[in-house]
Amino acid sequence: MSYKKIELYDEESLAKLSGEYASILNHLGEDPKREGLEKTPDRVSKAMLFLTQGYQMDARAILNSAKFTESYSEMVIVKDIELYSMCEHHMLPFFGKAHIAYIPNGYITGLSKLARVVDCYARRLQVQERMTHQILDAVKDALEPLGVAVVIEAKHLCMMMRGVQKQNSSTTTSAFYGEFEKDKTRSEFLRLISADLH
């Protein structure tokens, strides 16, 4: 019995991308027809289509797909959400974790939906600063909460592999809305995402 991996991609986009990546290999001085590289244009094309699938996602629709009426009005935090994205300047990966909190105002959403919103914006060509605000805006618009907070911590390979080559650098971005603009609420959120509660 043979192994067959089933993947769904737009065949036209895949064919066009594969041709472009074969051309890139040629320009780099490689032979795209040699054994080790023969399937590389297809593999890279599939990887890029996967890594940029966020363009096909709607963050607000994701949150609204599991939006429930609830009287709970305390802070809800989902922290340490893994994220993998691509820097739009060099198309090199950056990766890390996102922490999201909101204070409901009549509605809550499924916890996994917050992680899906992170993927929605991470899986596209991105800058960390913009992604932080996109996540906040999606939660704010879909749930109309009393407040939203987003903190992202990430390492950028464009700083580690090339350019300044600083291996231990990391970048933290934050965005706050509503109740989280108050020092007391923001401090509680920052303390909770820093704490090891296990």
C-alpha atoms as a PDB file:
ATOM      1  CA  MET A   1       0.000   0.000   0.000  1.00  0.00           C
ATOM      2  CA  SER A   2       1.534   3.337  -1.034  1.00  0.00           C
ATOM      3  CA  TYR A   3       1.517   6.591   0.910  1.00  0.00           C
ATOM      4  CA  LYS A   4      -0.424   9.495  -0.584  1.00  0.00           C
ATOM      5  CA  LYS A   5      -0.545  12.894   1.047  1.00  0.00           C
ATOM      6  CA  ILE A   6      -3.713  14.838   0.250  1.00  0.00           C
ATOM      7  CA  GLU A   7      -3.381  18.613   0.059  1.00  0.00           C
ATOM      8  CA  LEU A   8      -5.772  21.148  -1.433  1.00  0.00           C
ATOM      9  CA  TYR A   9      -4.298  24.089  -3.345  1.00  0.00           C
ATOM     10  CA  ASP A  10      -5.449  26.290  -6.181  1.00  0.00           C
ATOM     11  CA  GLU A  11      -3.806  24.491  -9.090  1.00  0.00           C
ATOM     12  CA  GLU A  12      -3.410  27.607 -11.230  1.00  0.00           C
ATOM     13  CA  SER A  13      -1.666  29.544  -8.454  1.00  0.00           C
ATOM     14  CA  LEU A  14       0.484  26.529  -7.636  1.00  0.00           C
ATOM     15  CA  ALA A  15       1.633  26.115 -11.246  1.00  0.00           C
ATOM     16  CA  LYS A  16       2.464  29.809 -11.630  1.00  0.00           C
ATOM     17  CA  LEU A  17       4.380  29.950  -8.345  1.00  0.00           C
ATOM     18  CA  SER A  18       6.313  26.764  -9.176  1.00  0.00           C
ATOM     19  CA  GLY A  19       7.464  28.280 -12.459  1.00  0.00           C
ATOM     20  CA  GLU A  20       8.592  31.439 -10.673  1.00  0.00           C
ATOM     21  CA  TYR A  21      10.525  29.498  -8.014  1.00  0.00           C
ATOM     22  CA  ALA A  22      12.252  27.408 -10.698  1.00  0.00           C
ATOM     23  CA  SER A  23      13.320  30.693 -12.295  1.00  0.00           C
ATOM     24  CA  ILE A  24      14.603  31.990  -8.948  1.00  0.00           C
ATOM     25  CA  LEU A  25      16.708  28.834  -8.503  1.00  0.00           C
ATOM     26  CA  ASN A  26      18.203  29.451 -11.950  1.00  0.00           C
ATOM     27  CA  HIS A  27      19.037  33.055 -11.032  1.00  0.00           C
ATOM     28  CA  LEU A  28      20.753  31.840  -7.852  1.00  0.00           C
ATOM     29  CA  GLY A  29      23.050  29.678  -9.966  1.00  0.00           C
ATOM     30  CA  GLU A  30      21.308  26.374  -9.202  1.00  0.00           C
ATOM     31  CA  ASP A  31      19.918  23.729 -11.507  1.00  0.00           C
ATOM     32  CA  PRO A  32      16.213  23.233 -10.673  1.00  0.00           C
ATOM     33  CA  LYS A  33      16.257  19.961 -12.622  1.00  0.00           C
ATOM     34  CA  ARG A  34      18.869  18.229 -10.452  1.00  0.00           C
ATOM     35  CA  GLU A  35      17.598  15.440  -8.209  1.00  0.00           C
ATOM     36  CA  GLY A  36      17.615  17.315  -4.894  1.00  0.00           C
ATOM     37  CA  LEU A  37      15.854  20.344  -6.323  1.00  0.00           C
ATOM     38  CA  GLU A  38      13.519  18.714  -8.820  1.00  0.00           C
ATOM     39  CA  LYS A  39      10.443  19.027  -6.593  1.00  0.00           C
ATOM     40  CA  THR A  40      11.600  22.091  -4.660  1.00  0.00           C
ATOM     41  CA  PRO A  41       9.614  24.670  -6.696  1.00  0.00           C
ATOM     42  CA  ASP A  42       6.406  22.718  -5.966  1.00  0.00           C
ATOM     43  CA  ARG A  43       7.292  22.285  -2.294  1.00  0.00           C
ATOM     44  CA  VAL A  44       8.128  25.971  -1.798  1.00  0.00           C
ATOM     45  CA  SER A  45       4.978  27.017  -3.634  1.00  0.00           C
ATOM     46  CA  LYS A  46       2.818  24.839  -1.388  1.00  0.00           C
ATOM     47  CA  ALA A  47       4.631  26.162   1.684  1.00  0.00           C
ATOM     48  CA  MET A  48       4.051  29.767   0.625  1.00  0.00           C
ATOM     49  CA  LEU A  49       0.372  29.149  -0.096  1.00  0.00           C
ATOM     50  CA  PHE A  50       0.038  27.593   3.366  1.00  0.00           C
ATOM     51  CA  LEU A  51       2.008  30.360   5.113  1.00  0.00           C
ATOM     52  CA  THR A  52      -0.103  33.080   3.492  1.00  0.00           C
ATOM     53  CA  GLN A  53      -3.539  31.480   3.831  1.00  0.00           C
ATOM     54  CA  GLY A  54      -4.544  34.263   6.219  1.00  0.00           C
ATOM     55  CA  TYR A  55      -5.469  36.368   3.198  1.00  0.00           C
ATOM     56  CA  GLN A  56      -8.387  33.976   2.664  1.00  0.00           C
ATOM     57  CA  MET A  57      -9.609  34.265   6.295  1.00  0.00           C
ATOM     58  CA  ASP A  58     -11.983  36.771   7.905  1.00  0.00           C
ATOM     59  CA  ALA A  59     -11.108  37.377  11.564  1.00  0.00           C
ATOM     60  CA  ARG A  60     -14.451  38.895  12.457  1.00  0.00           C
ATOM     61  CA  ALA A  61     -16.325  35.991  10.888  1.00  0.00           C
ATOM     62  CA  ILE A  62     -14.155  33.606  12.913  1.00  0.00           C
ATOM     63  CA  LEU A  63     -15.078  35.347  16.182  1.00  0.00           C
ATOM     64  CA  ASN A  64     -18.757  35.655  15.250  1.00  0.00           C
ATOM     65  CA  SER A  65     -18.956  31.941  14.415  1.00  0.00           C
ATOM     66  CA  ALA A  66     -18.791  31.201  18.153  1.00  0.00           C
ATOM     67  CA  LYS A  67     -20.265  34.341  19.713  1.00  0.00           C
ATOM     68  CA  PHE A  68     -22.439  33.687  22.759  1.00  0.00           C
ATOM     69  CA  THR A  69     -24.543  35.871  25.023  1.00  0.00           C
ATOM     70  CA  GLU A  70     -23.042  35.770  28.515  1.00  0.00           C
ATOM     71  CA  SER A  71     -23.206  38.011  31.586  1.00  0.00           C
ATOM     72  CA  TYR A  72     -19.559  37.348  32.574  1.00  0.00           C
ATOM     73  CA  SER A  73     -17.747  40.689  32.794  1.00  0.00           C
ATOM     74  CA  GLU A  74     -14.295  39.875  34.175  1.00  0.00           C
ATOM     75  CA  MET A  75     -11.049  39.621  32.238  1.00  0.00           C
ATOM     76  CA  VAL A  76     -10.671  36.704  29.808  1.00  0.00           C
ATOM     77  CA  ILE A  77      -7.062  35.943  28.854  1.00  0.00           C
ATOM     78  CA  VAL A  78      -5.663  33.469  26.358  1.00  0.00           C
ATOM     79  CA  LYS A  79      -1.894  33.624  26.595  1.00  0.00           C
ATOM     80  CA  ASP A  80       1.108  31.973  24.940  1.00  0.00           C
ATOM     81  CA  ILE A  81      -0.642  31.543  21.579  1.00  0.00           C
ATOM     82  CA  GLU A  82       2.080  30.321  19.214  1.00  0.00           C
ATOM     83  CA  LEU A  83       2.478  32.349  16.049  1.00  0.00           C
ATOM     84  CA  TYR A  84       4.545  31.964  12.900  1.00  0.00           C
ATOM     85  CA  SER A  85       4.598  34.739  10.349  1.00  0.00           C
ATOM     86  CA  MET A  86       6.659  36.167   7.488  1.00  0.00           C
ATOM     87  CA  CYS A  87       8.335  39.566   7.555  1.00  0.00           C
ATOM     88  CA  GLU A  88       7.074  41.520   4.560  1.00  0.00           C
ATOM     89  CA  HIS A  89      10.427  43.274   4.102  1.00  0.00           C
ATOM     90  CA  HIS A  90      12.635  40.190   3.605  1.00  0.00           C
ATOM     91  CA  MET A  91      10.071  37.359   3.484  1.00  0.00           C
ATOM     92  CA  LEU A  92      11.900  35.659   6.347  1.00  0.00           C
ATOM     93  CA  PRO A  93      10.024  34.104   9.279  1.00  0.00           C
ATOM     94  CA  PHE A  94       9.331  35.656  12.630  1.00  0.00           C
ATOM     95  CA  PHE A  95       7.832  33.588  15.413  1.00  0.00           C
ATOM     96  CA  GLY A  96       6.780  33.864  19.021  1.00  0.00           C
ATOM     97  CA  LYS A  97       3.638  34.121  21.079  1.00  0.00           C
ATOM     98  CA  ALA A  98       0.608  36.333  21.431  1.00  0.00           C
ATOM     99  CA  HIS A  99      -1.360  37.149  24.572  1.00  0.00           C
ATOM    100  CA  ILE A 100      -4.938  38.377  24.168  1.00  0.00           C
ATOM    101  CA  ALA A 101      -7.376  39.593  26.805  1.00  0.00           C
ATOM    102  CA  TYR A 102     -10.815  41.110  26.654  1.00  0.00           C
ATOM    103  CA  ILE A 103     -13.485  42.151  29.127  1.00  0.00           C
ATOM    104  CA  PRO A 104     -16.887  40.979  27.849  1.00  0.00           C
ATOM    105  CA  ASN A 105     -19.798  43.369  27.511  1.00  0.00           C
ATOM    106  CA  GLY A 106     -22.610  40.868  27.001  1.00  0.00           C
ATOM    107  CA  TYR A 107     -20.788  38.535  24.588  1.00  0.00           C
ATOM    108  CA  ILE A 108     -17.998  35.986  24.762  1.00  0.00           C
ATOM    109  CA  THR A 109     -16.369  33.937  22.020  1.00  0.00           C
ATOM    110  CA  GLY A 110     -14.942  30.437  21.870  1.00  0.00           C
ATOM    111  CA  LEU A 111     -11.397  30.474  23.273  1.00  0.00           C
ATOM    112  CA  SER A 112      -9.973  28.695  20.222  1.00  0.00           C
ATOM    113  CA  LYS A 113     -11.337  31.499  18.042  1.00  0.00           C
ATOM    114  CA  LEU A 114      -8.837  33.935  19.551  1.00  0.00           C
ATOM    115  CA  ALA A 115      -6.011  31.613  18.505  1.00  0.00           C
ATOM    116  CA  ARG A 116      -7.527  31.386  15.014  1.00  0.00           C
ATOM    117  CA  VAL A 117      -7.603  35.172  14.785  1.00  0.00           C
ATOM    118  CA  VAL A 118      -3.867  35.198  15.511  1.00  0.00           C
ATOM    119  CA  ASP A 119      -3.344  32.725  12.638  1.00  0.00           C
ATOM    120  CA  CYS A 120      -5.578  34.807  10.380  1.00  0.00           C
ATOM    121  CA  TYR A 121      -3.199  37.763  10.643  1.00  0.00           C
ATOM    122  CA  ALA A 122       0.063  35.875  11.175  1.00  0.00           C
ATOM    123  CA  ARG A 123      -0.339  33.758   8.032  1.00  0.00           C
ATOM    124  CA  ARG A 124       0.342  36.568   5.598  1.00  0.00           C
ATOM    125  CA  LEU A 125       3.224  38.926   4.834  1.00  0.00           C
ATOM    126  CA  GLN A 126       3.310  41.029   7.948  1.00  0.00           C
ATOM    127  CA  VAL A 127       4.957  43.429  10.343  1.00  0.00           C
ATOM    128  CA  GLN A 128       4.531  42.719  14.034  1.00  0.00           C
ATOM    129  CA  GLU A 129       3.345  46.226  14.854  1.00  0.00           C
ATOM    130  CA  ARG A 130       0.465  46.088  12.367  1.00  0.00           C
ATOM    131  CA  MET A 131      -0.532  42.546  13.338  1.00  0.00           C
ATOM    132  CA  THR A 132      -0.853  43.574  17.004  1.00  0.00           C
ATOM    133  CA  HIS A 133      -3.409  46.255  16.118  1.00  0.00           C
ATOM    134  CA  GLN A 134      -5.233  44.062  13.583  1.00  0.00           C
ATOM    135  CA  ILE A 135      -5.873  41.435  16.265  1.00  0.00           C
ATOM    136  CA  LEU A 136      -7.083  44.073  18.724  1.00  0.00           C
ATOM    137  CA  ASP A 137      -9.390  45.684  16.145  1.00  0.00           C
ATOM    138  CA  ALA A 138     -10.932  42.346  15.157  1.00  0.00           C
ATOM    139  CA  VAL A 139     -11.795  41.464  18.775  1.00  0.00           C
ATOM    140  CA  LYS A 140     -13.077  44.991  19.440  1.00  0.00           C
ATOM    141  CA  ASP A 141     -15.282  45.070  16.341  1.00  0.00           C
ATOM    142  CA  ALA A 142     -16.719  41.557  16.647  1.00  0.00           C
ATOM    143  CA  LEU A 143     -17.392  41.393  20.392  1.00  0.00           C
ATOM    144  CA  GLU A 144     -17.793  45.077  21.351  1.00  0.00           C
ATOM    145  CA  PRO A 145     -16.118  44.394  24.716  1.00  0.00           C
ATOM    146  CA  LEU A 146     -15.349  46.834  27.521  1.00  0.00           C
ATOM    147  CA  GLY A 147     -11.675  46.474  26.716  1.00  0.00           C
ATOM    148  CA  VAL A 148      -9.100  44.530  24.693  1.00  0.00           C
ATOM    149  CA  ALA A 149      -5.381  43.980  25.223  1.00  0.00           C
ATOM    150  CA  VAL A 150      -2.865  42.331  22.891  1.00  0.00           C
ATOM    151  CA  VAL A 151       0.833  41.713  23.523  1.00  0.00           C
ATOM    152  CA  ILE A 152       3.078  39.921  21.020  1.00  0.00           C
ATOM    153  CA  GLU A 153       6.619  38.731  21.708  1.00  0.00           C
ATOM    154  CA  ALA A 154       8.585  37.488  18.705  1.00  0.00           C
ATOM    155  CA  LYS A 155      12.016  36.706  17.279  1.00  0.00           C
ATOM    156  CA  HIS A 156      12.724  37.887  13.733  1.00  0.00           C
ATOM    157  CA  LEU A 157      15.040  35.887  11.504  1.00  0.00           C
ATOM    158  CA  CYS A 158      15.662  39.008   9.403  1.00  0.00           C
ATOM    159  CA  MET A 159      17.548  40.332  12.458  1.00  0.00           C
ATOM    160  CA  MET A 160      19.102  37.002  13.410  1.00  0.00           C
ATOM    161  CA  MET A 161      20.212  35.478  10.075  1.00  0.00           C
ATOM    162  CA  ARG A 162      21.198  38.589   8.126  1.00  0.00           C
ATOM    163  CA  GLY A 163      21.701  42.322   8.642  1.00  0.00           C
ATOM    164  CA  VAL A 164      22.735  43.013  12.237  1.00  0.00           C
ATOM    165  CA  GLN A 165      22.767  39.254  13.081  1.00  0.00           C
ATOM    166  CA  LYS A 166      21.700  39.698  16.709  1.00  0.00           C
ATOM    167  CA  GLN A 167      20.846  36.186  17.863  1.00  0.00           C
ATOM    168  CA  ASN A 168      19.284  37.018  21.223  1.00  0.00           C
ATOM    169  CA  SER A 169      17.113  39.953  20.233  1.00  0.00           C
ATOM    170  CA  SER A 170      13.344  39.816  20.539  1.00  0.00           C
ATOM    171  CA  THR A 171      10.582  42.318  19.856  1.00  0.00           C
ATOM    172  CA  THR A 172       7.547  43.065  22.038  1.00  0.00           C
ATOM    173  CA  THR A 173       4.556  45.034  20.777  1.00  0.00           C
ATOM    174  CA  SER A 174       1.348  45.914  22.594  1.00  0.00           C
ATOM    175  CA  ALA A 175      -2.031  47.495  21.950  1.00  0.00           C
ATOM    176  CA  PHE A 176      -4.721  48.432  24.472  1.00  0.00           C
ATOM    177  CA  TYR A 177      -8.318  49.585  24.178  1.00  0.00           C
ATOM    178  CA  GLY A 178     -11.024  50.646  26.628  1.00  0.00           C
ATOM    179  CA  GLU A 179     -10.585  49.433  30.205  1.00  0.00           C
ATOM    180  CA  PHE A 180      -7.043  48.288  29.426  1.00  0.00           C
ATOM    181  CA  GLU A 181      -6.028  51.906  28.871  1.00  0.00           C
ATOM    182  CA  LYS A 182      -6.386  52.313  32.642  1.00  0.00           C
ATOM    183  CA  ASP A 183      -3.176  51.631  34.576  1.00  0.00           C
ATOM    184  CA  LYS A 184      -4.767  49.253  37.099  1.00  0.00           C
ATOM    185  CA  THR A 185      -6.403  46.968  34.502  1.00  0.00           C
ATOM    186  CA  ARG A 186      -3.392  47.014  32.192  1.00  0.00           C
ATOM    187  CA  SER A 187      -1.058  46.187  35.112  1.00  0.00           C
ATOM    188  CA  GLU A 188      -3.228  43.230  36.126  1.00  0.00           C
ATOM    189  CA  PHE A 189      -3.152  41.894  32.559  1.00  0.00           C
ATOM    190  CA  LEU A 190       0.619  42.279  32.259  1.00  0.00           C
ATOM    191  CA  ARG A 191       1.124  40.599  35.641  1.00  0.00           C
ATOM    192  CA  LEU A 192      -1.095  37.655  34.678  1.00  0.00           C
ATOM    193  CA  ILE A 193       0.581  37.010  31.336  1.00  0.00           C
ATOM    194  CA  SER A 194       3.969  37.085  33.070  1.00  0.00           C
ATOM    195  CA  ALA A 195       2.925  34.756  35.901  1.00  0.00           C
ATOM    196  CA  ASP A 196       3.389  30.993  35.864  1.00  0.00           C
ATOM    197  CA  LEU A 197       0.034  29.848  37.262  1.00  0.00           C
ATOM    198  CA  HIS A 198       0.464  26.115  36.603  1.00  0.00           C
END
